[in-house]
Structure formats: structure tokens, C-alpha cells
Amino acid sequence: MQLNRLWSGLILASMLVIDVHAAGPLSARRPERIRNRKYGFSVVFPKAWYVWEGAGLPTFFNYSAEDAPPQGLLPPHGASIAVIMCRHLPKERDTDDVSACADREVRARSGVTVGKREISGPVSGAPALWVDFEERALAREGDAVRLVVIFWQLGGRAFGARLEYIKGDPDGPRYERTMIDVVESFRPL
């Protein structure tokens, strides 16, 4: 479990060192949508957020690489939204798939205070699952990270969007709205 946290921290830290700010909010070439040809979808590029696409799926940050603290910690009022994919789906293709993915996400992050609810998904007729929980892994001493993950299915794959921010951040509802905007903008190519 500790090794997973260490790897998560190292991966996040390496993501922040790579040129996150290249497609930042002031970029003249900033696209309105991020297209992912590998997995066949596009999502909106949130205004005033930065993107890193080096892991095959986009991750958005509301802070630049220059403002990122060391070791993958979130800065004050920092948030990230990662588009994720559940790679280990059961053979059945129904809403239990996204529930199984959500359960794995919570277990992998050692989540506590778990809340779940079904919501309408970004793809017509497909339900989505909202999961929120807390973890202490990448927070400063005494802080907890709030995670909100929305999972949905498209074409036999379970996709998700994972939001992370420091619990108690007064901008939390705005970050959650931004994540919902990203999820609602999800379109197959």
C-alpha cells in the first residue's frame, strides 16, 4: 500500500516537472477541446487550467508547473482533474462495471468517508457513478485530499474523471463544477 502511494507521488511529481504550462491559459494556440485519438474521445479544455497529456490521457491543473510544490503535493487552492480509464473490467458490461472500477479506485487510494451516487452520464443513455472520498497521501501535514471520481462507460470501456483538491478549500465547489463540465463535454470521436 505504501509503495502504491510512493509511486503515485513520484508519477504526479514527474507530471508536474514536465512542461505542464506549455498549453496554459495564456497560450495563443490553446485548443477548445482536447482530442485523444488513442482512446477515441474528446473533452473540453477548462478555461484558465493547464494540461499535461504525457500519460496517454489528459490531466488538467489549475496551477502552473512553476507553482507546483515538490513531491506531488497540491499547492494552496490547487486542484487537478485527470481523465482515467479502468483497464480491468469484468466480463459483464453493465453498471456494475463502473461500480467495480470505483471500488478499486477507493481501495487503491486508501480512501475513507466514501460517498456514492448514480448520476446521468456524458454519453446518452449511459448512467455514471459519482464517488467521493478523502485520503491523506499527497496532502501536507494535517490536511486531507478530497477526491471526487465520476465513472461512465463507452464502447466496452469504463472512463472516469478524478478531481483532487485539499479538503476544506473554499473553491472546492468550483473545482467540482469544472470536473462536471469536463465529464459532460466527453464525446466519442
Foldseek 3Di string as FASTA:
>chain_A
DVVLLLVVLVVLQVQLVPQQCPLFQVDPPNDQWDAQPVVFKIFGQDHCWTWDCVVSWIKIKNDHSVQQDHRNAADQVIKMKTKFWDPDADPDPAPVRQVVVVVVVCVSQVWDPKDKDWDPFLDPPKIKMWIWTWHCSRYPVPWIKIKIKIWIDDPSIIMIMIMIDIPPRPCVVVSVVSNVNRRNRMDGD
